[in-house]
Every structure is written in C-alpha cells, then in structure tokens.
C-alpha cells in the first residue's frame, strides 16, 4: 500500500515537473522566436498583435495555434490586416511547437 502511494506521488511530481519544464521551454522559444514582433510577455508591437488577451489564442485548440506557427499566415489567410508583415512559417520541432503553444495559452490565464 505504501509503495502504491509513493509511486502515485512520484508520478504526480513527474507530471507537474514535465508540464512546468515545457512551459519554461515555451517561454525560451517565445523569447527567441516571437518577442521581436509580438513583444515581451505577448503585449504586441507595431509589427504584430498581442498574444496576451488575444481571443484567437484563448479560444482556439492547441492544434489550430500550432498550425499557424508551422504554416504562417499570409495573403488571404492573414488574420490581422492592420499589420504590414505576414506571420512567417516557423521551423520548429513538434515538441517545441507544443511548448510554445502552452506558453502562449498561459499568457491568457
């Protein structure tokens, strides 16, 4: 019984640590790939919309956000017409995209 309890506690700690680690990685990726256009802490700049408080980020499924990160948005698919620059495609590994999406979602909590 004690071993089962101990194993459960370790599993929970590992899950929490993994999630916190992914968020930290997402923040680092955001800092290197996104801050120039979307601003520190996702507040937006004249080059790109805010991610903090962004309805698309709040309401979209992670897969939808990941699709924009991977495929970009330009031409008719461009969502924010007031910004001159289109959203460029980002070349990231799937785990990096997942961490980045988690971080972007965390900006809206």
N, C-alpha and C. Protein backbone atom coordinates (compact mmCIF):
# COMPACT_ATOMS: atom_id res chain seq x y z
N UNK A 1 0.82 -1.19 0.00
CA UNK A 1 0.00 0.00 0.00
C UNK A 1 0.87 1.26 0.00
N UNK A 2 1.91 1.28 0.86
CA UNK A 2 2.81 2.43 0.91
C UNK A 2 3.56 2.63 -0.41
N UNK A 3 3.93 1.51 -1.04
CA UNK A 3 4.62 1.61 -2.32
C UNK A 3 3.72 2.21 -3.39
N UNK A 4 2.45 1.85 -3.37
CA UNK A 4 1.49 2.38 -4.33
C UNK A 4 1.32 3.88 -4.13
N UNK A 5 1.21 4.29 -2.89
CA UNK A 5 1.08 5.71 -2.58
C UNK A 5 2.33 6.47 -3.01
N UNK A 6 3.49 5.92 -2.71
CA UNK A 6 4.75 6.54 -3.08
C UNK A 6 4.89 6.64 -4.60
N UNK A 7 4.51 5.59 -5.30
CA UNK A 7 4.57 5.60 -6.77
C UNK A 7 3.63 6.65 -7.34
N UNK A 8 2.45 6.79 -6.74
CA UNK A 8 1.49 7.80 -7.19
C UNK A 8 2.03 9.21 -7.00
N UNK A 9 2.66 9.44 -5.86
CA UNK A 9 3.24 10.76 -5.58
C UNK A 9 4.34 11.06 -6.60
N UNK A 10 5.21 10.11 -6.87
CA UNK A 10 6.27 10.31 -7.85
C UNK A 10 5.70 10.58 -9.24
N UNK A 11 4.64 9.88 -9.60
CA UNK A 11 4.01 10.09 -10.91
C UNK A 11 3.45 11.50 -11.02
N UNK A 12 2.80 11.97 -9.96
CA UNK A 12 2.25 13.33 -9.96
C UNK A 12 3.35 14.37 -10.04
N UNK A 13 4.42 14.17 -9.29
CA UNK A 13 5.54 15.11 -9.33
C UNK A 13 6.16 15.13 -10.73
N UNK A 14 6.32 13.97 -11.34
CA UNK A 14 6.89 13.90 -12.68
C UNK A 14 6.00 14.60 -13.70
N UNK A 15 4.68 14.42 -13.59
CA UNK A 15 3.75 15.10 -14.49
C UNK A 15 3.85 16.60 -14.33
N UNK A 16 3.83 17.07 -13.09
CA UNK A 16 3.90 18.50 -12.84
C UNK A 16 5.23 19.07 -13.32
N UNK A 17 6.31 18.38 -13.04
CA UNK A 17 7.64 18.85 -13.46
C UNK A 17 7.73 18.91 -14.96
N UNK A 18 7.20 17.92 -15.64
CA UNK A 18 7.22 17.91 -17.10
C UNK A 18 6.44 19.07 -17.67
N UNK A 19 5.29 19.37 -17.09
CA UNK A 19 4.47 20.48 -17.55
C UNK A 19 5.17 21.80 -17.30
N UNK A 20 5.76 21.98 -16.12
CA UNK A 20 6.47 23.21 -15.81
C UNK A 20 7.69 23.35 -16.71
N UNK A 21 8.34 22.24 -17.01
CA UNK A 21 9.51 22.26 -17.88
C UNK A 21 9.10 22.69 -19.28
N UNK A 22 7.98 22.17 -19.79
CA UNK A 22 7.51 22.54 -21.12
C UNK A 22 7.17 24.03 -21.18
N UNK A 23 6.55 24.55 -20.13
CA UNK A 23 6.23 25.98 -20.10
C UNK A 23 7.51 26.80 -20.11
N UNK A 24 8.52 26.36 -19.39
CA UNK A 24 9.79 27.08 -19.37
C UNK A 24 10.43 27.05 -20.76
N UNK A 25 10.40 25.92 -21.41
CA UNK A 25 10.93 25.81 -22.77
C UNK A 25 10.14 26.70 -23.71
N UNK A 26 8.83 26.72 -23.55
CA UNK A 26 7.98 27.57 -24.38
C UNK A 26 8.32 29.04 -24.22
N UNK A 27 8.60 29.46 -22.99
CA UNK A 27 8.98 30.85 -22.73
C UNK A 27 10.31 31.17 -23.41
N UNK A 28 11.25 30.25 -23.37
CA UNK A 28 12.55 30.47 -24.01
C UNK A 28 12.39 30.55 -25.53
N UNK A 29 11.59 29.67 -26.09
CA UNK A 29 11.35 29.70 -27.53
C UNK A 29 10.66 31.00 -27.91
N UNK A 30 9.66 31.41 -27.12
CA UNK A 30 8.94 32.65 -27.38
C UNK A 30 9.92 33.83 -27.39
N UNK A 31 10.83 33.83 -26.43
CA UNK A 31 11.80 34.92 -26.32
C UNK A 31 12.69 35.00 -27.56
N UNK A 32 13.07 33.87 -28.11
CA UNK A 32 13.96 33.89 -29.27
C UNK A 32 13.23 34.03 -30.60
N UNK A 33 12.01 33.52 -30.70
CA UNK A 33 11.30 33.49 -31.99
C UNK A 33 10.18 34.52 -32.13
N UNK A 34 9.57 34.96 -31.03
CA UNK A 34 8.32 35.72 -31.12
C UNK A 34 8.37 37.15 -30.59
N UNK A 35 9.25 37.41 -29.64
CA UNK A 35 9.28 38.70 -28.95
C UNK A 35 9.47 39.87 -29.90
N UNK A 36 10.29 39.72 -30.93
CA UNK A 36 10.57 40.83 -31.84
C UNK A 36 9.28 41.41 -32.45
N UNK A 37 8.34 40.55 -32.78
CA UNK A 37 7.09 41.03 -33.40
C UNK A 37 5.92 41.13 -32.41
N UNK A 38 5.90 40.25 -31.42
CA UNK A 38 4.73 40.19 -30.53
C UNK A 38 4.99 40.77 -29.14
N UNK A 39 6.20 41.22 -28.89
CA UNK A 39 6.53 41.90 -27.65
C UNK A 39 6.77 40.97 -26.47
N UNK A 40 7.51 41.51 -25.50
CA UNK A 40 7.76 40.77 -24.26
C UNK A 40 6.44 40.50 -23.58
N UNK A 41 6.28 39.32 -23.06
CA UNK A 41 5.04 38.88 -22.39
C UNK A 41 3.83 38.97 -23.32
N UNK A 42 4.07 38.98 -24.63
CA UNK A 42 2.98 38.92 -25.59
C UNK A 42 2.08 40.15 -25.64
N UNK A 43 2.62 41.33 -25.34
CA UNK A 43 1.80 42.55 -25.30
C UNK A 43 1.59 43.18 -26.66
N UNK A 44 2.24 42.67 -27.69
CA UNK A 44 2.10 43.20 -29.03
C UNK A 44 3.07 44.33 -29.31
N UNK A 45 3.29 44.60 -30.60
CA UNK A 45 4.15 45.69 -31.05
C UNK A 45 3.53 46.23 -32.34
N UNK A 46 4.08 47.30 -32.91
CA UNK A 46 3.59 47.76 -34.20
C UNK A 46 3.77 46.72 -35.33
N UNK A 47 4.60 45.69 -35.08
CA UNK A 47 4.83 44.66 -36.09
C UNK A 47 3.89 43.46 -35.99
N UNK A 48 3.31 43.23 -34.79
CA UNK A 48 2.48 42.04 -34.62
C UNK A 48 1.52 42.18 -33.47
N UNK A 49 0.41 41.45 -33.53
CA UNK A 49 -0.63 41.55 -32.49
C UNK A 49 -0.19 40.97 -31.15
N UNK A 50 -0.86 41.41 -30.11
CA UNK A 50 -0.64 40.86 -28.77
C UNK A 50 -1.11 39.41 -28.74
N UNK A 51 -0.43 38.60 -27.98
CA UNK A 51 -0.89 37.24 -27.71
C UNK A 51 -1.60 37.21 -26.36
N UNK A 52 -1.17 38.04 -25.44
CA UNK A 52 -1.85 38.15 -24.14
C UNK A 52 -3.19 38.83 -24.39
N UNK A 53 -4.27 38.20 -23.95
CA UNK A 53 -5.60 38.76 -24.15
C UNK A 53 -6.15 38.53 -25.55
N UNK A 54 -5.49 37.74 -26.36
CA UNK A 54 -5.90 37.50 -27.74
C UNK A 54 -6.99 36.43 -27.79
N UNK A 55 -8.13 36.78 -28.38
CA UNK A 55 -9.27 35.85 -28.45
C UNK A 55 -8.94 34.57 -29.22
N UNK A 56 -8.17 34.69 -30.29
CA UNK A 56 -7.80 33.50 -31.06
C UNK A 56 -7.02 32.53 -30.18
N UNK A 57 -6.05 33.06 -29.43
CA UNK A 57 -5.23 32.22 -28.56
C UNK A 57 -6.09 31.62 -27.45
N UNK A 58 -6.96 32.44 -26.87
CA UNK A 58 -7.82 31.97 -25.77
C UNK A 58 -8.75 30.85 -26.21
N UNK A 59 -9.39 31.02 -27.36
CA UNK A 59 -10.49 30.13 -27.75
C UNK A 59 -10.09 28.98 -28.67
N UNK A 60 -8.94 29.08 -29.31
CA UNK A 60 -8.55 28.05 -30.27
C UNK A 60 -7.97 26.83 -29.58
N UNK A 61 -8.12 25.71 -30.27
CA UNK A 61 -7.49 24.47 -29.81
C UNK A 61 -5.99 24.57 -30.06
N UNK A 62 -5.20 23.88 -29.25
CA UNK A 62 -3.74 23.92 -29.45
C UNK A 62 -3.32 23.57 -30.87
N UNK A 63 -4.03 22.64 -31.51
CA UNK A 63 -3.68 22.24 -32.88
C UNK A 63 -3.85 23.39 -33.86
N UNK A 64 -4.86 24.24 -33.63
CA UNK A 64 -5.09 25.38 -34.52
C UNK A 64 -3.97 26.41 -34.39
N UNK A 65 -3.55 26.66 -33.16
CA UNK A 65 -2.46 27.61 -32.92
C UNK A 65 -1.17 27.04 -33.50
N UNK A 66 -0.94 25.75 -33.29
CA UNK A 66 0.25 25.09 -33.82
C UNK A 66 0.29 25.19 -35.35
N UNK A 67 -0.85 25.08 -35.98
CA UNK A 67 -0.92 25.18 -37.44
C UNK A 67 -0.47 26.56 -37.92
N UNK A 68 -0.88 27.61 -37.22
CA UNK A 68 -0.46 28.96 -37.59
C UNK A 68 1.05 29.12 -37.40
N UNK A 69 1.57 28.57 -36.31
CA UNK A 69 3.01 28.66 -36.06
C UNK A 69 3.78 27.95 -37.17
N UNK A 70 3.36 26.76 -37.53
CA UNK A 70 4.07 25.96 -38.52
C UNK A 70 3.89 26.47 -39.95
N UNK A 71 2.68 26.93 -40.27
CA UNK A 71 2.36 27.28 -41.66
C UNK A 71 2.36 28.78 -41.94
N UNK A 72 2.34 29.59 -40.89
CA UNK A 72 2.28 31.03 -41.08
C UNK A 72 0.90 31.46 -41.56
N UNK A 73 0.78 32.74 -41.80
CA UNK A 73 -0.46 33.31 -42.36
C UNK A 73 -0.07 34.44 -43.28
N UNK A 74 -0.41 34.31 -44.54
CA UNK A 74 -0.13 35.39 -45.47
C UNK A 74 -1.23 35.45 -46.52
N UNK A 75 -1.25 36.53 -47.26
CA UNK A 75 -2.26 36.71 -48.29
C UNK A 75 -3.66 36.72 -47.69
N UNK A 76 -4.57 36.00 -48.31
CA UNK A 76 -5.96 35.96 -47.86
C UNK A 76 -6.12 35.34 -46.48
N UNK A 77 -5.17 34.51 -46.08
CA UNK A 77 -5.25 33.85 -44.76
C UNK A 77 -4.79 34.76 -43.63
N UNK A 78 -4.23 35.91 -43.97
CA UNK A 78 -3.73 36.84 -42.95
C UNK A 78 -4.89 37.35 -42.12
N UNK A 79 -4.81 37.15 -40.81
CA UNK A 79 -5.91 37.49 -39.90
C UNK A 79 -5.90 38.96 -39.50
N UNK A 80 -4.74 39.51 -39.23
CA UNK A 80 -4.63 40.88 -38.71
C UNK A 80 -4.13 41.79 -39.83
N UNK A 81 -5.03 42.33 -40.61
CA UNK A 81 -4.69 43.11 -41.80
C UNK A 81 -3.97 44.43 -41.46
N UNK A 82 -4.14 44.93 -40.22
CA UNK A 82 -3.52 46.21 -39.85
C UNK A 82 -2.01 46.11 -39.71
N UNK A 83 -1.46 44.91 -39.69
CA UNK A 83 -0.02 44.74 -39.59
C UNK A 83 0.54 44.45 -40.98
N UNK A 84 1.55 45.22 -41.35
CA UNK A 84 2.11 45.10 -42.70
C UNK A 84 2.72 43.72 -42.97
N UNK A 85 3.38 43.17 -41.97
CA UNK A 85 4.08 41.90 -42.15
C UNK A 85 3.15 40.71 -41.91
N UNK A 86 3.27 39.70 -42.75
CA UNK A 86 2.51 38.47 -42.55
C UNK A 86 3.20 37.63 -41.48
N UNK A 87 2.48 36.66 -40.94
CA UNK A 87 3.05 35.73 -39.97
C UNK A 87 3.88 34.71 -40.75
N UNK A 88 5.22 34.71 -40.56
CA UNK A 88 6.04 33.76 -41.31
C UNK A 88 5.96 32.35 -40.72
N UNK A 89 6.21 31.36 -41.57
CA UNK A 89 6.29 29.98 -41.11
C UNK A 89 7.46 29.86 -40.15
N UNK A 90 7.29 29.05 -39.12
CA UNK A 90 8.36 28.81 -38.17
C UNK A 90 8.81 27.35 -38.30
N UNK A 91 10.09 27.15 -38.32
CA UNK A 91 10.64 25.79 -38.41
C UNK A 91 11.04 25.38 -37.00
N UNK A 92 10.18 24.59 -36.38
CA UNK A 92 10.39 24.10 -35.01
C UNK A 92 10.01 22.64 -34.95
N UNK A 93 10.62 21.92 -34.02
CA UNK A 93 10.24 20.53 -33.78
C UNK A 93 8.85 20.50 -33.14
N UNK A 94 8.16 19.39 -33.27
CA UNK A 94 6.80 19.28 -32.72
C UNK A 94 6.75 19.56 -31.22
N UNK A 95 7.74 19.07 -30.47
CA UNK A 95 7.74 19.32 -29.03
C UNK A 95 7.98 20.80 -28.72
N UNK A 96 8.74 21.48 -29.57
CA UNK A 96 8.94 22.91 -29.38
C UNK A 96 7.65 23.69 -29.65
N UNK A 97 6.94 23.29 -30.70
CA UNK A 97 5.66 23.94 -31.02
C UNK A 97 4.68 23.73 -29.87
N UNK A 98 4.62 22.51 -29.36
CA UNK A 98 3.73 22.22 -28.24
C UNK A 98 4.06 23.08 -27.02
N UNK A 99 5.33 23.19 -26.69
CA UNK A 99 5.75 24.02 -25.55
C UNK A 99 5.43 25.49 -25.81
N UNK A 100 5.63 25.94 -27.03
CA UNK A 100 5.33 27.32 -27.38
C UNK A 100 3.83 27.61 -27.26
N UNK A 101 3.00 26.71 -27.74
CA UNK A 101 1.55 26.87 -27.63
C UNK A 101 1.13 26.91 -26.16
N UNK A 102 1.68 26.02 -25.35
CA UNK A 102 1.37 26.02 -23.92
C UNK A 102 1.73 27.37 -23.28
N UNK A 103 2.89 27.90 -23.65
CA UNK A 103 3.30 29.19 -23.10
C UNK A 103 2.34 30.30 -23.58
N UNK A 104 1.99 30.29 -24.85
CA UNK A 104 1.09 31.31 -25.39
C UNK A 104 -0.27 31.23 -24.69
N UNK A 105 -0.75 30.03 -24.45
CA UNK A 105 -2.02 29.86 -23.72
C UNK A 105 -1.89 30.40 -22.30
N UNK A 106 -0.71 30.22 -21.70
CA UNK A 106 -0.51 30.68 -20.32
C UNK A 106 -0.53 32.21 -20.22
N UNK A 107 -0.27 32.90 -21.30
CA UNK A 107 -0.32 34.35 -21.31
C UNK A 107 -1.76 34.87 -21.15
N UNK A 108 -2.71 33.97 -21.32
CA UNK A 108 -4.13 34.34 -21.27
C UNK A 108 -4.84 33.84 -20.01
N UNK A 109 -4.09 33.44 -19.01
CA UNK A 109 -4.71 32.96 -17.78
C UNK A 109 -4.75 34.05 -16.75
